[in-house]
C-alpha atoms as a PDB file:
ATOM      1  CA  MET A   1     124.150  84.550   6.490  1.00  0.00           C
ATOM      2  CA  LYS A   2     123.459  80.441   7.357  1.00  0.00           C
ATOM      3  CA  TRP A   3     121.215  77.990   5.774  1.00  0.00           C
ATOM      4  CA  ASP A   4     120.719  74.119   5.924  1.00  0.00           C
ATOM      5  CA  ALA A   5     121.812  71.486   3.291  1.00  0.00           C
ATOM      6  CA  TRP A   6     122.212  67.803   2.956  1.00  0.00           C
ATOM      7  CA  LEU A   7     125.739  66.087   2.801  1.00  0.00           C
ATOM      8  CA  LEU A   8     125.758  63.267   0.296  1.00  0.00           C
ATOM      9  CA  ASN A   9     128.041  60.498   0.531  1.00  0.00           C
ATOM     10  CA  PHE A  10     128.857  58.912  -2.544  1.00  0.00           C
ATOM     11  CA  GLY A  11     131.440  56.522  -1.631  1.00  0.00           C
ATOM     12  CA  ASN A  12     135.327  56.408  -2.162  1.00  0.00           C
ATOM     13  CA  GLN A  13     135.650  59.647  -0.545  1.00  0.00           C
ATOM     14  CA  ASN A  14     132.937  61.091  -2.709  1.00  0.00           C
ATOM     15  CA  ARG A  15     131.057  63.881  -1.193  1.00  0.00           C
ATOM     16  CA  ALA A  16     128.871  66.973  -2.542  1.00  0.00           C
ATOM     17  CA  VAL A  17     125.912  68.585  -1.062  1.00  0.00           C
ATOM     18  CA  VAL A  18     122.473  69.808  -1.754  1.00  0.00           C
ATOM     19  CA  GLY A  19     119.707  72.226  -0.709  1.00  0.00           C
ATOM     20  CA  TRP A  20     118.205  71.400   2.162  1.00  0.00           C
ATOM     21  CA  ARG A  21     114.426  71.868   0.287  1.00  0.00           C
ATOM     22  CA  GLU A  22     115.993  70.117  -2.469  1.00  0.00           C
ATOM     23  CA  LEU A  23     115.967  66.682  -1.044  1.00  0.00           C
ATOM     24  CA  LEU A  24     112.352  65.682  -0.630  1.00  0.00           C
ATOM     25  CA  HIS A  25     112.302  61.792   0.195  1.00  0.00           C
ATOM     26  CA  LEU A  26     114.893  59.270   1.886  1.00  0.00           C
ATOM     27  CA  ILE A  27     114.687  55.962   0.046  1.00  0.00           C
ATOM     28  CA  PRO A  28     117.009  53.452   2.921  1.00  0.00           C
ATOM     29  CA  GLY A  29     117.773  50.190   1.016  1.00  0.00           C
ATOM     30  CA  ALA A  30     117.052  50.277  -2.349  1.00  0.00           C
ATOM     31  CA  THR A  31     116.925  47.063  -4.028  1.00  0.00           C
ATOM     32  CA  ALA A  32     116.949  45.240  -7.467  1.00  0.00           C
ATOM     33  CA  GLN A  33     113.375  45.211  -7.173  1.00  0.00           C
ATOM     34  CA  THR A  34     112.841  49.041  -6.783  1.00  0.00           C
ATOM     35  CA  ILE A  35     115.573  50.101  -8.994  1.00  0.00           C
ATOM     36  CA  ARG A  36     115.880  48.602 -12.854  1.00  0.00           C
ATOM     37  CA  PRO A  37     118.258  49.159 -15.732  1.00  0.00           C
ATOM     38  CA  ALA A  38     117.425  51.943 -18.106  1.00  0.00           C
ATOM     39  CA  SER A  39     119.385  53.328 -21.150  1.00  0.00           C
ATOM     40  CA  SER A  40     119.314  57.138 -19.697  1.00  0.00           C
ATOM     41  CA  HIS A  41     121.414  59.109 -18.741  1.00  0.00           C
ATOM     42  CA  GLY A  42     121.341  58.244 -15.160  1.00  0.00           C
ATOM     43  CA  SER A  43     121.555  54.664 -15.918  1.00  0.00           C
ATOM     44  CA  LYS A  44     118.737  53.422 -13.566  1.00  0.00           C
ATOM     45  CA  VAL A  45     115.288  54.141 -12.676  1.00  0.00           C
ATOM     46  CA  LEU A  46     113.569  54.621  -9.983  1.00  0.00           C
ATOM     47  CA  HIS A  47     109.530  53.090  -9.681  1.00  0.00           C
ATOM     48  CA  GLY A  48     107.459  54.858  -7.282  1.00  0.00           C
ATOM     49  CA  GLN A  49     104.963  57.721  -6.109  1.00  0.00           C
ATOM     50  CA  ASN A  50     102.946  56.587  -9.190  1.00  0.00           C
ATOM     51  CA  ARG A  51     105.890  58.251 -11.736  1.00  0.00           C
ATOM     52  CA  ILE A  52     109.627  56.701 -12.796  1.00  0.00           C
ATOM     53  CA  SER A  53     112.160  58.793 -11.794  1.00  0.00           C
ATOM     54  CA  PRO A  54     115.844  58.641 -13.320  1.00  0.00           C
ATOM     55  CA  ILE A  55     118.697  57.680 -10.724  1.00  0.00           C
ATOM     56  CA  TRP A  56     122.022  59.338 -11.157  1.00  0.00           C
ATOM     57  CA  ASP A  57     124.579  56.675  -9.669  1.00  0.00           C
ATOM     58  CA  MET A  58     127.404  59.586  -9.225  1.00  0.00           C
ATOM     59  CA  GLY A  59     129.946  56.632  -7.523  1.00  0.00           C
ATOM     60  CA  ALA A  60     129.720  54.873 -10.754  1.00  0.00           C
ATOM     61  CA  TRP A  61     129.856  58.613 -12.860  1.00  0.00           C
ATOM     62  CA  LEU A  62     133.231  59.498 -10.833  1.00  0.00           C
ATOM     63  CA  THR A  63     135.173  55.907 -10.322  1.00  0.00           C
ATOM     64  CA  ALA A  64     133.615  53.532 -13.591  1.00  0.00           C
ATOM     65  CA  ASP A  65     132.430  51.185 -10.441  1.00  0.00           C
ATOM     66  CA  ALA A  66     128.611  50.711 -10.088  1.00  0.00           C
ATOM     67  CA  MET A  67     127.576  50.673  -6.686  1.00  0.00           C
ATOM     68  CA  PRO A  68     125.947  47.257  -5.653  1.00  0.00           C
ATOM     69  CA  ASP A  69     122.112  46.887  -5.083  1.00  0.00           C
ATOM     70  CA  SER A  70     122.148  45.391  -1.924  1.00  0.00           C
ATOM     71  CA  GLY A  71     122.158  47.906   0.410  1.00  0.00           C
ATOM     72  CA  ASN A  72     122.119  51.234  -1.014  1.00  0.00           C
ATOM     73  CA  THR A  73     119.781  54.491   0.000  1.00  0.00           C
ATOM     74  CA  SER A  74     118.319  56.414  -2.394  1.00  0.00           C
ATOM     75  CA  VAL A  75     117.116  59.725  -2.040  1.00  0.00           C
ATOM     76  CA  LEU A  76     114.368  61.673  -4.144  1.00  0.00           C
ATOM     77  CA  VAL A  77     115.577  64.895  -5.104  1.00  0.00           C
ATOM     78  CA  GLY A  78     113.530  67.994  -6.579  1.00  0.00           C
ATOM     79  CA  TYR A  79     114.739  71.138  -9.010  1.00  0.00           C
ATOM     80  CA  GLN A  80     113.243  73.216 -11.498  1.00  0.00           C
ATOM     81  CA  LEU A  81     114.406  73.456 -15.197  1.00  0.00           C
ATOM     82  CA  GLN A  82     113.519  77.207 -14.556  1.00  0.00           C
ATOM     83  CA  ALA A  83     111.673  79.443 -12.599  1.00  0.00           C
ATOM     84  CA  GLY A  84     108.406  79.084 -12.398  1.00  0.00           C
ATOM     85  CA  ALA A  85     108.017  75.716 -14.377  1.00  0.00           C
ATOM     86  CA  THR A  86     106.875  72.170 -12.740  1.00  0.00           C
ATOM     87  CA  PRO A  87     108.878  70.657 -10.452  1.00  0.00           C
ATOM     88  CA  GLN A  88     110.809  67.708 -11.589  1.00  0.00           C
ATOM     89  CA  LEU A  89     112.108  64.532  -9.743  1.00  0.00           C
ATOM     90  CA  GLY A  90     115.224  62.820  -9.603  1.00  0.00           C
ATOM     91  CA  ALA A  91     117.299  60.215  -7.096  1.00  0.00           C
ATOM     92  CA  LEU A  92     120.319  60.287  -6.029  1.00  0.00           C
ATOM     93  CA  MET A  93     122.292  56.831  -5.116  1.00  0.00           C
ATOM     94  CA  LEU A  94     123.848  56.707  -2.059  1.00  0.00           C
ATOM     95  CA  ILE A  95     126.316  54.871  -0.014  1.00  0.00           C
ATOM     96  CA  GLU A  96     124.681  55.761   3.550  1.00  0.00           C
ATOM     97  CA  PRO A  97     121.979  58.415   4.426  1.00  0.00           C
ATOM     98  CA  PRO A  98     122.438  61.982   3.979  1.00  0.00           C
ATOM     99  CA  VAL A  99     123.298  64.205   6.970  1.00  0.00           C
ATOM    100  CA  ARG A 100     121.705  67.813   7.904  1.00  0.00           C
ATOM    101  CA  ILE A 101     124.448  70.221   7.943  1.00  0.00           C
ATOM    102  CA  SER A 102     124.794  73.831   8.587  1.00  0.00           C
ATOM    103  CA  ILE A 103     126.934  76.205   5.925  1.00  0.00           C
ATOM    104  CA  ALA A 104     127.470  80.079   6.259  1.00  0.00           C
ATOM    105  CA  THR A 105     128.139  82.241   3.224  1.00  0.00           C
ATOM    106  CA  ASP A 106     131.702  82.716   3.669  1.00  0.00           C
ATOM    107  CA  GLN A 107     132.609  78.789   3.178  1.00  0.00           C
ATOM    108  CA  GLY A 108     132.754  79.094  -0.947  1.00  0.00           C
ATOM    109  CA  CYS A 109     135.867  78.328  -2.269  1.00  0.00           C
ATOM    110  CA  PRO A 110     137.175  77.872  -5.880  1.00  0.00           C
ATOM    111  CA  ALA A 111     136.952  74.554  -7.288  1.00  0.00           C
ATOM    112  CA  PRO A 112     140.470  72.695  -6.082  1.00  0.00           C
ATOM    113  CA  SER A 113     141.936  70.606  -8.980  1.00  0.00           C
ATOM    114  CA  SER A 114     140.857  67.908  -6.529  1.00  0.00           C
ATOM    115  CA  LEU A 115     137.637  68.198  -7.163  1.00  0.00           C
ATOM    116  CA  SER A 116     138.068  68.807 -11.325  1.00  0.00           C
ATOM    117  CA  PRO A 117     135.687  65.908 -12.073  1.00  0.00           C
ATOM    118  CA  TRP A 118     132.824  67.641 -10.247  1.00  0.00           C
ATOM    119  CA  ARG A 119     132.962  70.823 -12.111  1.00  0.00           C
ATOM    120  CA  GLU A 120     130.389  69.523 -14.721  1.00  0.00           C
ATOM    121  CA  VAL A 121     127.934  68.577 -12.175  1.00  0.00           C
ATOM    122  CA  ALA A 122     128.522  71.855  -9.181  1.00  0.00           C
ATOM    123  CA  SER A 123     126.776  75.341  -9.474  1.00  0.00           C
ATOM    124  CA  ALA A 124     129.571  75.793  -6.231  1.00  0.00           C
ATOM    125  CA  PHE A 125     132.153  74.671  -3.948  1.00  0.00           C
ATOM    126  CA  LEU A 126     132.422  75.226  -0.735  1.00  0.00           C
ATOM    127  CA  MET A 127     134.536  74.265   2.368  1.00  0.00           C
ATOM    128  CA  TYR A 128     132.993  72.223   4.593  1.00  0.00           C
ATOM    129  CA  GLU A 129     135.117  70.707   8.095  1.00  0.00           C
ATOM    130  CA  GLU A 130     138.025  71.199   6.268  1.00  0.00           C
ATOM    131  CA  GLU A 131     137.127  69.659   3.236  1.00  0.00           C
ATOM    132  CA  ALA A 132     136.011  70.897  -0.126  1.00  0.00           C
ATOM    133  CA  LEU A 133     132.768  70.099  -1.430  1.00  0.00           C
ATOM    134  CA  ALA A 134     130.775  70.389  -4.428  1.00  0.00           C
ATOM    135  CA  VAL A 135     127.360  71.894  -4.191  1.00  0.00           C
ATOM    136  CA  LEU A 136     125.248  69.694  -6.822  1.00  0.00           C
ATOM    137  CA  ASP A 137     123.561  71.546  -9.873  1.00  0.00           C
ATOM    138  CA  LEU A 138     120.438  69.175  -9.771  1.00  0.00           C
ATOM    139  CA  ARG A 139     118.807  70.979 -13.075  1.00  0.00           C
ATOM    140  CA  HIS A 140     121.941  70.102 -15.084  1.00  0.00           C
ATOM    141  CA  LEU A 141     123.094  66.917 -13.751  1.00  0.00           C
ATOM    142  CA  PHE A 142     119.344  65.564 -14.906  1.00  0.00           C
ATOM    143  CA  SER A 143     118.872  67.619 -18.135  1.00  0.00           C
ATOM    144  CA  GLY A 144     120.512  65.000 -20.334  1.00  0.00           C
ATOM    145  CA  GLN A 145     123.462  66.993 -21.048  1.00  0.00           C
ATOM    146  CA  VAL A 146     125.855  65.433 -18.704  1.00  0.00           C
ATOM    147  CA  ALA A 147     127.818  62.586 -20.575  1.00  0.00           C
ATOM    148  CA  PRO A 148     129.322  59.976 -19.276  1.00  0.00           C
ATOM    149  CA  LYS A 149     132.993  60.171 -19.042  1.00  0.00           C
ATOM    150  CA  LYS A 150     134.526  57.995 -21.921  1.00  0.00           C
ATOM    151  CA  GLN A 151     136.509  56.121 -18.733  1.00  0.00           C
ATOM    152  CA  ASN A 152     133.347  55.972 -16.513  1.00  0.00           C
ATOM    153  CA  ARG A 153     131.384  53.968 -18.796  1.00  0.00           C
ATOM    154  CA  VAL A 154     129.470  51.636 -16.944  1.00  0.00           C
ATOM    155  CA  ALA A 155     127.690  48.571 -17.742  1.00  0.00           C
ATOM    156  CA  TYR A 156     124.097  47.700 -16.213  1.00  0.00           C
END
């Protein structure tokens, strides 16, 4: 069985996957005017569509290097806290637009040691073009329960 997904590039060879229907909107060229500092677990928020959505900077979380504001792409993602709940929105910062890919169920793999930091935010791992990738658990990522890594605290 095959399913469509989005391949997300967070920079520094950090890539992951989200489901086809989880990515709702592409926000190219997100700038300091649309992204403001915040004290939430996502470090920043996106103002738009009559709401404020938390932004998770995976690049900063994984490497302690915040991505510069100029030239960033953000994607608005949707998730549910539980089955039947009202959909929630969040955003992810990327270094380039996402790429649509096709994944087969037999591409699942164990979490390689090279992706150990991803275990906290992944629901699964898969092989795609000889690269192991995390499948992001958006519900957990935006739950507020994912703490900044001590060595990766970033001041905004």
